[in-house]
Amino acid sequence: MTDSLQKLLDAAKTAKVPPEHREQQRRSFVYGNTHFENELITREMVDREADKLAKDKK
């Protein structure tokens, strides 16, 4: 492994991810995995259900 790559990996380990970005990544992951199994699943469906869950959590 090169020094440059090691420095990037070390920086990634300590990087702070904003909650908004983490939520976008979570929704993208959910969409990718569910759409793979069922092509009728849309991003809008994932967003709608995630918003419902967030409201219920409050």
N, C-alpha and C. Protein backbone atom coordinates (compact mmCIF):
# COMPACT_ATOMS: atom_id res chain seq x y z
N MET A 1 0.85 -1.17 0.00
CA MET A 1 0.00 0.00 0.00
C MET A 1 0.90 1.24 0.00
N THR A 2 0.53 2.19 -0.82
CA THR A 2 1.33 3.41 -0.91
C THR A 2 1.04 4.33 0.29
N ASP A 3 1.98 5.24 0.55
CA ASP A 3 1.78 6.20 1.64
C ASP A 3 0.56 7.08 1.38
N SER A 4 0.35 7.45 0.12
CA SER A 4 -0.80 8.29 -0.22
C SER A 4 -2.11 7.59 0.11
N LEU A 5 -2.19 6.33 -0.25
CA LEU A 5 -3.41 5.57 0.03
C LEU A 5 -3.60 5.40 1.53
N GLN A 6 -2.55 5.14 2.25
CA GLN A 6 -2.64 4.98 3.70
C GLN A 6 -3.11 6.27 4.36
N LYS A 7 -2.62 7.40 3.89
CA LYS A 7 -3.05 8.69 4.44
C LYS A 7 -4.55 8.92 4.18
N LEU A 8 -5.01 8.56 2.99
CA LEU A 8 -6.43 8.70 2.68
C LEU A 8 -7.29 7.79 3.56
N LEU A 9 -6.84 6.58 3.76
CA LEU A 9 -7.58 5.65 4.62
C LEU A 9 -7.63 6.14 6.06
N ASP A 10 -6.52 6.65 6.55
CA ASP A 10 -6.48 7.18 7.91
C ASP A 10 -7.41 8.38 8.06
N ALA A 11 -7.43 9.25 7.05
CA ALA A 11 -8.31 10.42 7.09
C ALA A 11 -9.77 9.98 7.06
N ALA A 12 -10.08 8.96 6.29
CA ALA A 12 -11.46 8.48 6.19
C ALA A 12 -11.95 7.91 7.51
N LYS A 13 -11.06 7.32 8.27
CA LYS A 13 -11.44 6.73 9.56
C LYS A 13 -11.89 7.78 10.56
N THR A 14 -11.37 8.98 10.45
CA THR A 14 -11.71 10.03 11.42
C THR A 14 -12.64 11.09 10.86
N ALA A 15 -13.07 10.93 9.62
CA ALA A 15 -13.95 11.92 8.98
C ALA A 15 -15.31 11.95 9.67
N LYS A 16 -15.84 13.13 9.87
CA LYS A 16 -17.17 13.30 10.45
C LYS A 16 -18.18 13.41 9.31
N VAL A 17 -19.17 12.56 9.35
CA VAL A 17 -20.20 12.55 8.30
C VAL A 17 -21.43 13.26 8.85
N PRO A 18 -21.88 14.31 8.17
CA PRO A 18 -23.08 15.02 8.64
C PRO A 18 -24.30 14.09 8.63
N PRO A 19 -25.22 14.28 9.57
CA PRO A 19 -26.41 13.41 9.62
C PRO A 19 -27.20 13.39 8.31
N GLU A 20 -27.25 14.52 7.62
CA GLU A 20 -28.00 14.58 6.36
C GLU A 20 -27.37 13.66 5.31
N HIS A 21 -26.05 13.66 5.27
CA HIS A 21 -25.34 12.81 4.31
C HIS A 21 -25.51 11.34 4.67
N ARG A 22 -25.45 11.04 5.95
CA ARG A 22 -25.65 9.66 6.40
C ARG A 22 -27.05 9.18 6.02
N GLU A 23 -28.06 10.04 6.18
CA GLU A 23 -29.43 9.67 5.81
C GLU A 23 -29.55 9.44 4.32
N GLN A 24 -28.91 10.27 3.51
CA GLN A 24 -28.92 10.07 2.06
C GLN A 24 -28.30 8.73 1.70
N GLN A 25 -27.19 8.40 2.34
CA GLN A 25 -26.53 7.13 2.07
C GLN A 25 -27.40 5.95 2.49
N ARG A 26 -28.07 6.09 3.63
CA ARG A 26 -28.94 5.02 4.12
C ARG A 26 -30.09 4.77 3.14
N ARG A 27 -30.69 5.85 2.68
CA ARG A 27 -31.81 5.70 1.73
C ARG A 27 -31.32 5.12 0.40
N SER A 28 -30.17 5.53 -0.04
CA SER A 28 -29.62 5.00 -1.28
C SER A 28 -29.35 3.50 -1.15
N PHE A 29 -28.83 3.10 0.00
CA PHE A 29 -28.56 1.68 0.25
C PHE A 29 -29.87 0.88 0.24
N VAL A 30 -30.88 1.42 0.93
CA VAL A 30 -32.18 0.74 0.97
C VAL A 30 -32.76 0.61 -0.43
N TYR A 31 -32.73 1.71 -1.17
CA TYR A 31 -33.27 1.67 -2.54
C TYR A 31 -32.52 0.64 -3.38
N GLY A 32 -31.22 0.69 -3.36
CA GLY A 32 -30.43 -0.23 -4.18
C GLY A 32 -30.72 -1.69 -3.90
N ASN A 33 -30.85 -2.01 -2.61
CA ASN A 33 -31.09 -3.40 -2.24
C ASN A 33 -32.52 -3.84 -2.50
N THR A 34 -33.48 -2.96 -2.27
CA THR A 34 -34.87 -3.37 -2.50
C THR A 34 -35.22 -3.36 -3.98
N HIS A 35 -34.71 -2.39 -4.71
CA HIS A 35 -35.00 -2.32 -6.15
C HIS A 35 -34.39 -3.51 -6.88
N PHE A 36 -33.27 -3.98 -6.39
CA PHE A 36 -32.62 -5.15 -6.97
C PHE A 36 -33.55 -6.36 -6.91
N GLU A 37 -34.28 -6.49 -5.81
CA GLU A 37 -35.20 -7.61 -5.62
C GLU A 37 -36.56 -7.37 -6.26
N ASN A 38 -36.97 -6.09 -6.32
CA ASN A 38 -38.30 -5.77 -6.81
C ASN A 38 -38.22 -4.46 -7.59
N GLU A 39 -38.28 -4.54 -8.91
CA GLU A 39 -38.11 -3.36 -9.76
C GLU A 39 -39.24 -2.35 -9.63
N LEU A 40 -40.31 -2.71 -8.94
CA LEU A 40 -41.41 -1.77 -8.73
C LEU A 40 -41.11 -0.75 -7.63
N ILE A 41 -40.09 -1.03 -6.82
CA ILE A 41 -39.69 -0.10 -5.75
C ILE A 41 -39.05 1.13 -6.39
N THR A 42 -39.48 2.31 -5.94
CA THR A 42 -38.92 3.56 -6.46
C THR A 42 -38.23 4.32 -5.33
N ARG A 43 -37.41 5.28 -5.72
CA ARG A 43 -36.76 6.15 -4.72
C ARG A 43 -37.81 6.93 -3.94
N GLU A 44 -38.87 7.33 -4.63
CA GLU A 44 -39.94 8.07 -3.97
C GLU A 44 -40.58 7.23 -2.87
N MET A 45 -40.76 5.94 -3.12
CA MET A 45 -41.34 5.06 -2.11
C MET A 45 -40.43 4.97 -0.90
N VAL A 46 -39.15 4.84 -1.14
CA VAL A 46 -38.17 4.76 -0.04
C VAL A 46 -38.20 6.06 0.76
N ASP A 47 -38.19 7.20 0.06
CA ASP A 47 -38.23 8.49 0.75
C ASP A 47 -39.50 8.64 1.57
N ARG A 48 -40.62 8.26 1.01
CA ARG A 48 -41.90 8.39 1.71
C ARG A 48 -41.90 7.57 2.99
N GLU A 49 -41.45 6.33 2.90
CA GLU A 49 -41.44 5.46 4.08
C GLU A 49 -40.41 5.92 5.12
N ALA A 50 -39.27 6.41 4.66
CA ALA A 50 -38.26 6.92 5.59
C ALA A 50 -38.78 8.15 6.32
N ASP A 51 -39.50 9.01 5.61
CA ASP A 51 -40.09 10.19 6.24
C ASP A 51 -41.14 9.79 7.28
N LYS A 52 -41.93 8.77 6.97
CA LYS A 52 -42.93 8.28 7.92
C LYS A 52 -42.25 7.76 9.19
N LEU A 53 -41.19 6.99 9.00
CA LEU A 53 -40.46 6.46 10.15
C LEU A 53 -39.86 7.57 11.00
N ALA A 54 -39.36 8.60 10.36
CA ALA A 54 -38.76 9.72 11.10
C ALA A 54 -39.83 10.45 11.91
N LYS A 55 -41.03 10.60 11.36
CA LYS A 55 -42.12 11.26 12.08
C LYS A 55 -42.55 10.41 13.28
N ASP A 56 -42.63 9.10 13.09
CA ASP A 56 -43.05 8.21 14.16
C ASP A 56 -42.02 8.19 15.29
N LYS A 57 -40.79 8.42 14.96
CA LYS A 57 -39.70 8.39 15.94
C LYS A 57 -39.76 9.58 16.90
N LYS A 58 -40.34 10.68 16.43
CA LYS A 58 -40.38 11.91 17.25
C LYS A 58 -41.43 11.86 18.31
